[in-house]
Amino acid sequence: MKILLIDDTAQVRDSLKPVLKKLAYRNEDILEAGCDQQAVQLIAAHQPDIIVTDAKLLLLSGELLAGRDSCPHSRIIVTSSHEFVLDAFCRGGMDSLQKPIDEGKLEDLLRIGAMG
């Protein structure tokens, strides 16, 4: 299973990688993007199963949303430090996690995503 981490802060991406490795994801299955353009390229090239993205990048990037059309099967997990932003995404049918990210909740969402 391929997972794409999208966040403009390397520290956030770096903090999530150990959680993914603990869940037995291999390095080659963990993709990273620090901006929307890079994310769009990775989505097109790798068709990730799960996309964990910062809400700000998702909201500000029409390109990222358009790139999503190339892999509609991907489960999206939106992250933000603002609860009201996450509420809006939840009402839209997306999973969400509040920053700082709770590792247990991330693990639960990844397991659900792995089951399809």
N, C-alpha and C. Protein backbone atom coordinates (compact mmCIF):
# COMPACT_ATOMS: atom_id res chain seq x y z
N MET A 1 0.84 -1.16 0.00
CA MET A 1 0.00 0.00 0.00
C MET A 1 0.89 1.24 0.00
N LYS A 2 0.61 2.17 -0.88
CA LYS A 2 1.37 3.41 -0.98
C LYS A 2 0.64 4.52 -0.23
N ILE A 3 1.42 5.29 0.54
CA ILE A 3 0.89 6.41 1.31
C ILE A 3 1.65 7.66 0.91
N LEU A 4 0.91 8.73 0.61
CA LEU A 4 1.51 10.01 0.27
C LEU A 4 1.27 10.99 1.41
N LEU A 5 2.36 11.53 1.97
CA LEU A 5 2.29 12.56 3.00
C LEU A 5 2.49 13.92 2.34
N ILE A 6 1.53 14.82 2.50
CA ILE A 6 1.64 16.16 1.91
C ILE A 6 1.56 17.18 3.03
N ASP A 7 2.66 17.87 3.26
CA ASP A 7 2.70 18.96 4.25
C ASP A 7 3.87 19.85 3.89
N ASP A 8 3.67 21.16 4.00
CA ASP A 8 4.75 22.07 3.65
C ASP A 8 5.80 22.19 4.76
N THR A 9 5.59 21.51 5.87
CA THR A 9 6.55 21.51 6.97
C THR A 9 7.22 20.14 7.06
N ALA A 10 8.53 20.12 6.79
CA ALA A 10 9.27 18.86 6.81
C ALA A 10 9.19 18.19 8.18
N GLN A 11 9.16 18.98 9.24
CA GLN A 11 9.10 18.43 10.59
C GLN A 11 7.83 17.60 10.79
N VAL A 12 6.72 18.05 10.23
CA VAL A 12 5.47 17.29 10.34
C VAL A 12 5.60 15.97 9.58
N ARG A 13 6.11 16.04 8.35
CA ARG A 13 6.29 14.81 7.57
C ARG A 13 7.23 13.85 8.29
N ASP A 14 8.32 14.39 8.83
CA ASP A 14 9.30 13.55 9.52
C ASP A 14 8.71 12.90 10.77
N SER A 15 7.77 13.58 11.42
CA SER A 15 7.17 13.02 12.64
C SER A 15 6.20 11.88 12.32
N LEU A 16 5.66 11.86 11.11
CA LEU A 16 4.70 10.82 10.73
C LEU A 16 5.38 9.55 10.21
N LYS A 17 6.56 9.69 9.64
CA LYS A 17 7.24 8.53 9.07
C LYS A 17 7.51 7.40 10.07
N PRO A 18 7.96 7.69 11.29
CA PRO A 18 8.18 6.59 12.24
C PRO A 18 6.90 5.82 12.57
N VAL A 19 5.78 6.53 12.61
CA VAL A 19 4.50 5.87 12.87
C VAL A 19 4.20 4.89 11.74
N LEU A 20 4.41 5.33 10.51
CA LEU A 20 4.15 4.47 9.36
C LEU A 20 5.10 3.27 9.35
N LYS A 21 6.35 3.50 9.69
CA LYS A 21 7.32 2.40 9.72
C LYS A 21 6.95 1.40 10.81
N LYS A 22 6.46 1.91 11.93
CA LYS A 22 6.04 1.03 13.02
C LYS A 22 4.89 0.13 12.58
N LEU A 23 4.08 0.62 11.65
CA LEU A 23 2.97 -0.16 11.12
C LEU A 23 3.40 -1.06 9.97
N ALA A 24 4.72 -1.19 9.79
CA ALA A 24 5.32 -2.09 8.81
C ALA A 24 5.25 -1.59 7.37
N TYR A 25 5.05 -0.29 7.19
CA TYR A 25 5.15 0.26 5.84
C TYR A 25 6.63 0.42 5.52
N ARG A 26 7.00 0.03 4.33
CA ARG A 26 8.39 0.13 3.91
C ARG A 26 8.67 1.55 3.41
N ASN A 27 9.94 1.95 3.44
CA ASN A 27 10.32 3.29 2.98
C ASN A 27 9.82 3.58 1.58
N GLU A 28 9.89 2.58 0.71
CA GLU A 28 9.49 2.82 -0.68
C GLU A 28 7.98 2.98 -0.83
N ASP A 29 7.23 2.64 0.21
CA ASP A 29 5.78 2.80 0.18
C ASP A 29 5.33 4.14 0.75
N ILE A 30 6.27 4.91 1.30
CA ILE A 30 5.95 6.20 1.89
C ILE A 30 6.49 7.29 0.98
N LEU A 31 5.58 8.04 0.39
CA LEU A 31 5.94 9.14 -0.51
C LEU A 31 5.73 10.45 0.23
N GLU A 32 6.53 11.47 -0.11
CA GLU A 32 6.42 12.76 0.55
C GLU A 32 6.38 13.89 -0.46
N ALA A 33 5.56 14.89 -0.14
CA ALA A 33 5.50 16.11 -0.95
C ALA A 33 5.45 17.30 -0.01
N GLY A 34 6.26 18.31 -0.33
CA GLY A 34 6.28 19.53 0.47
C GLY A 34 5.48 20.66 -0.14
N CYS A 35 4.92 20.42 -1.33
CA CYS A 35 4.11 21.45 -1.99
C CYS A 35 3.09 20.77 -2.91
N ASP A 36 2.12 21.56 -3.34
CA ASP A 36 1.04 20.98 -4.15
C ASP A 36 1.52 20.47 -5.50
N GLN A 37 2.46 21.17 -6.13
CA GLN A 37 2.94 20.73 -7.45
C GLN A 37 3.62 19.36 -7.35
N GLN A 38 4.43 19.20 -6.33
CA GLN A 38 5.10 17.91 -6.12
C GLN A 38 4.08 16.82 -5.83
N ALA A 39 3.06 17.16 -5.06
CA ALA A 39 2.00 16.20 -4.72
C ALA A 39 1.27 15.73 -5.97
N VAL A 40 0.93 16.65 -6.85
CA VAL A 40 0.22 16.30 -8.08
C VAL A 40 1.06 15.34 -8.91
N GLN A 41 2.36 15.59 -9.01
CA GLN A 41 3.24 14.70 -9.77
C GLN A 41 3.29 13.30 -9.15
N LEU A 42 3.38 13.24 -7.83
CA LEU A 42 3.45 11.95 -7.15
C LEU A 42 2.13 11.18 -7.25
N ILE A 43 1.02 11.90 -7.18
CA ILE A 43 -0.29 11.26 -7.33
C ILE A 43 -0.40 10.62 -8.71
N ALA A 44 -0.01 11.37 -9.74
CA ALA A 44 -0.10 10.86 -11.11
C ALA A 44 0.83 9.66 -11.33
N ALA A 45 2.03 9.74 -10.76
CA ALA A 45 3.03 8.69 -11.00
C ALA A 45 2.81 7.43 -10.17
N HIS A 46 2.28 7.57 -8.96
CA HIS A 46 2.25 6.43 -8.04
C HIS A 46 0.86 5.96 -7.62
N GLN A 47 -0.17 6.74 -7.91
CA GLN A 47 -1.54 6.34 -7.54
C GLN A 47 -1.62 5.85 -6.09
N PRO A 48 -1.31 6.72 -5.11
CA PRO A 48 -1.29 6.27 -3.72
C PRO A 48 -2.66 5.79 -3.23
N ASP A 49 -2.63 4.83 -2.32
CA ASP A 49 -3.86 4.30 -1.74
C ASP A 49 -4.44 5.25 -0.69
N ILE A 50 -3.53 5.89 0.06
CA ILE A 50 -3.94 6.83 1.10
C ILE A 50 -3.13 8.11 0.94
N ILE A 51 -3.81 9.25 1.05
CA ILE A 51 -3.17 10.55 1.00
C ILE A 51 -3.43 11.24 2.33
N VAL A 52 -2.34 11.57 3.04
CA VAL A 52 -2.44 12.33 4.29
C VAL A 52 -1.97 13.74 3.96
N THR A 53 -2.89 14.72 3.99
CA THR A 53 -2.55 16.05 3.53
C THR A 53 -2.96 17.14 4.50
N ASP A 54 -2.14 18.16 4.56
CA ASP A 54 -2.47 19.35 5.33
C ASP A 54 -3.64 20.06 4.66
N ALA A 55 -4.62 20.46 5.45
CA ALA A 55 -5.83 21.10 4.91
C ALA A 55 -5.50 22.36 4.13
N LYS A 56 -4.53 23.12 4.61
CA LYS A 56 -4.18 24.38 3.95
C LYS A 56 -3.75 24.14 2.51
N LEU A 57 -2.91 23.15 2.30
CA LEU A 57 -2.46 22.85 0.93
C LEU A 57 -3.61 22.36 0.07
N LEU A 58 -4.47 21.56 0.65
CA LEU A 58 -5.61 21.04 -0.11
C LEU A 58 -6.57 22.17 -0.48
N LEU A 59 -6.82 23.08 0.45
CA LEU A 59 -7.75 24.18 0.19
C LEU A 59 -7.21 25.20 -0.80
N LEU A 60 -5.92 25.47 -0.73
CA LEU A 60 -5.33 26.52 -1.55
C LEU A 60 -4.97 26.07 -2.95
N SER A 61 -5.04 24.77 -3.19
CA SER A 61 -4.55 24.26 -4.46
C SER A 61 -5.63 23.62 -5.31
N GLY A 62 -6.10 24.36 -6.27
CA GLY A 62 -6.99 23.76 -7.26
C GLY A 62 -6.27 22.68 -8.03
N GLU A 63 -4.96 22.86 -8.21
CA GLU A 63 -4.16 21.87 -8.95
C GLU A 63 -4.13 20.54 -8.20
N LEU A 64 -3.99 20.61 -6.89
CA LEU A 64 -3.97 19.37 -6.10
C LEU A 64 -5.32 18.67 -6.17
N LEU A 65 -6.39 19.44 -6.08
CA LEU A 65 -7.73 18.85 -6.18
C LEU A 65 -7.96 18.27 -7.57
N ALA A 66 -7.49 18.96 -8.60
CA ALA A 66 -7.63 18.45 -9.96
C ALA A 66 -6.80 17.19 -10.15
N GLY A 67 -5.62 17.15 -9.56
CA GLY A 67 -4.76 15.97 -9.65
C GLY A 67 -5.40 14.77 -8.99
N ARG A 68 -6.24 15.02 -8.05
CA ARG A 68 -6.97 13.95 -7.34
C ARG A 68 -7.85 13.17 -8.31
N ASP A 69 -8.30 13.81 -9.38
CA ASP A 69 -9.13 13.12 -10.37
C ASP A 69 -8.40 11.94 -10.99
N SER A 70 -7.07 12.01 -11.02
CA SER A 70 -6.30 10.92 -11.64
C SER A 70 -6.21 9.69 -10.75
N CYS A 71 -6.64 9.80 -9.51
CA CYS A 71 -6.64 8.62 -8.64
C CYS A 71 -7.78 8.73 -7.64
N PRO A 72 -9.00 8.54 -8.14
CA PRO A 72 -10.20 8.72 -7.31
C PRO A 72 -10.36 7.66 -6.22
N HIS A 73 -9.62 6.55 -6.32
CA HIS A 73 -9.74 5.49 -5.31
C HIS A 73 -9.00 5.83 -4.01
N SER A 74 -8.15 6.84 -4.03
CA SER A 74 -7.35 7.18 -2.85
C SER A 74 -8.23 7.66 -1.70
N ARG A 75 -7.93 7.15 -0.52
CA ARG A 75 -8.59 7.63 0.69
C ARG A 75 -7.81 8.85 1.17
N ILE A 76 -8.51 9.92 1.52
CA ILE A 76 -7.85 11.16 1.95
C ILE A 76 -8.05 11.35 3.44
N ILE A 77 -6.94 11.63 4.12
CA ILE A 77 -6.96 12.00 5.54
C ILE A 77 -6.43 13.43 5.61
N VAL A 78 -7.26 14.35 6.07
CA VAL A 78 -6.91 15.77 6.13
C VAL A 78 -6.42 16.10 7.54
N THR A 79 -5.32 16.86 7.61
CA THR A 79 -4.79 17.29 8.91
C THR A 79 -4.85 18.81 9.02
N SER A 80 -5.08 19.29 10.23
CA SER A 80 -5.10 20.73 10.49
C SER A 80 -5.02 20.95 11.99
N SER A 81 -4.55 22.12 12.37
CA SER A 81 -4.55 22.47 13.79
C SER A 81 -5.85 23.18 14.16
N HIS A 82 -6.72 23.42 13.18
CA HIS A 82 -7.97 24.13 13.40
C HIS A 82 -9.15 23.17 13.32
N GLU A 83 -9.83 22.99 14.43
CA GLU A 83 -10.93 22.02 14.49
C GLU A 83 -12.07 22.37 13.54
N PHE A 84 -12.37 23.66 13.36
CA PHE A 84 -13.48 24.04 12.48
C PHE A 84 -13.19 23.66 11.03
N VAL A 85 -11.93 23.68 10.64
CA VAL A 85 -11.55 23.27 9.28
C VAL A 85 -11.79 21.77 9.12
N LEU A 86 -11.40 21.01 10.12
CA LEU A 86 -11.58 19.56 10.07
C LEU A 86 -13.05 19.18 10.03
N ASP A 87 -13.87 19.92 10.77
CA ASP A 87 -15.31 19.65 10.76
C ASP A 87 -15.88 19.76 9.35
N ALA A 88 -15.43 20.76 8.61
CA ALA A 88 -15.92 20.96 7.24
C ALA A 88 -15.53 19.78 6.35
N PHE A 89 -14.32 19.29 6.48
CA PHE A 89 -13.88 18.15 5.68
C PHE A 89 -14.64 16.88 6.07
N CYS A 90 -14.89 16.71 7.36
CA CYS A 90 -15.65 15.53 7.82
C CYS A 90 -17.05 15.53 7.23
N ARG A 91 -17.67 16.70 7.18
CA ARG A 91 -19.01 16.78 6.58
C ARG A 91 -18.96 16.46 5.09
N GLY A 92 -17.79 16.64 4.48
CA GLY A 92 -17.62 16.31 3.07
C GLY A 92 -17.22 14.86 2.85
N GLY A 93 -17.17 14.07 3.90
CA GLY A 93 -16.89 12.65 3.76
C GLY A 93 -15.43 12.27 3.85
N MET A 94 -14.56 13.20 4.25
CA MET A 94 -13.14 12.88 4.37
C MET A 94 -12.80 12.63 5.84
N ASP A 95 -11.80 11.79 6.05
CA ASP A 95 -11.29 11.57 7.40
C ASP A 95 -10.41 12.75 7.78
N SER A 96 -10.29 13.01 9.08
CA SER A 96 -9.48 14.14 9.50
C SER A 96 -8.77 13.85 10.82
N LEU A 97 -7.65 14.54 11.00
CA LEU A 97 -6.86 14.44 12.23
C LEU A 97 -6.43 15.84 12.64
N GLN A 98 -6.58 16.14 13.92
CA GLN A 98 -6.14 17.45 14.41
C GLN A 98 -4.67 17.38 14.78
N LYS A 99 -3.93 18.44 14.42
CA LYS A 99 -2.52 18.55 14.79
C LYS A 99 -2.44 19.11 16.20
N PRO A 100 -1.50 18.69 17.03
CA PRO A 100 -0.54 17.62 16.72
C PRO A 100 -1.26 16.28 16.59
N ILE A 101 -0.77 15.49 15.66
CA ILE A 101 -1.46 14.26 15.28
C ILE A 101 -1.27 13.17 16.33
N ASP A 102 -2.38 12.60 16.74
CA ASP A 102 -2.39 11.49 17.68
C ASP A 102 -2.04 10.22 16.90
N GLU A 103 -0.94 9.57 17.29
CA GLU A 103 -0.46 8.38 16.56
C GLU A 103 -1.50 7.27 16.52
N GLY A 104 -2.19 7.07 17.62
CA GLY A 104 -3.21 6.01 17.67
C GLY A 104 -4.34 6.25 16.69
N LYS A 105 -4.78 7.49 16.59
CA LYS A 105 -5.86 7.82 15.65
C LYS A 105 -5.38 7.66 14.21
N LEU A 106 -4.13 8.05 13.95
CA LEU A 106 -3.58 7.87 12.61
C LEU A 106 -3.52 6.38 12.27
N GLU A 107 -3.05 5.57 13.20
CA GLU A 107 -3.00 4.13 12.97
C GLU A 107 -4.38 3.57 12.65
N ASP A 108 -5.39 4.00 13.40
CA ASP A 108 -6.76 3.52 13.17
C ASP A 108 -7.23 3.88 11.76
N LEU A 109 -7.00 5.12 11.34
CA LEU A 109 -7.44 5.55 10.01
C LEU A 109 -6.69 4.81 8.91
N LEU A 110 -5.41 4.55 9.12
CA LEU A 110 -4.64 3.81 8.12
C LEU A 110 -5.13 2.36 8.01
N ARG A 111 -5.46 1.77 9.12
CA ARG A 111 -5.99 0.39 9.08
C ARG A 111 -7.33 0.35 8.34
N ILE A 112 -8.18 1.34 8.62
CA ILE A 112 -9.47 1.42 7.92
C ILE A 112 -9.22 1.61 6.43
N GLY A 113 -8.27 2.47 6.09
CA GLY A 113 -7.94 2.70 4.68
C GLY A 113 -7.39 1.46 4.00
N ALA A 114 -6.64 0.67 4.74
CA ALA A 114 -6.08 -0.55 4.17
C ALA A 114 -7.16 -1.58 3.86
N MET A 115 -8.25 -1.52 4.61
CA MET A 115 -9.35 -2.46 4.39
C MET A 115 -10.22 -2.04 3.21
N GLY A 116 -10.03 -0.80 2.76
CA GLY A 116 -10.80 -0.34 1.60
C GLY A 116 -12.02 0.32 2.04
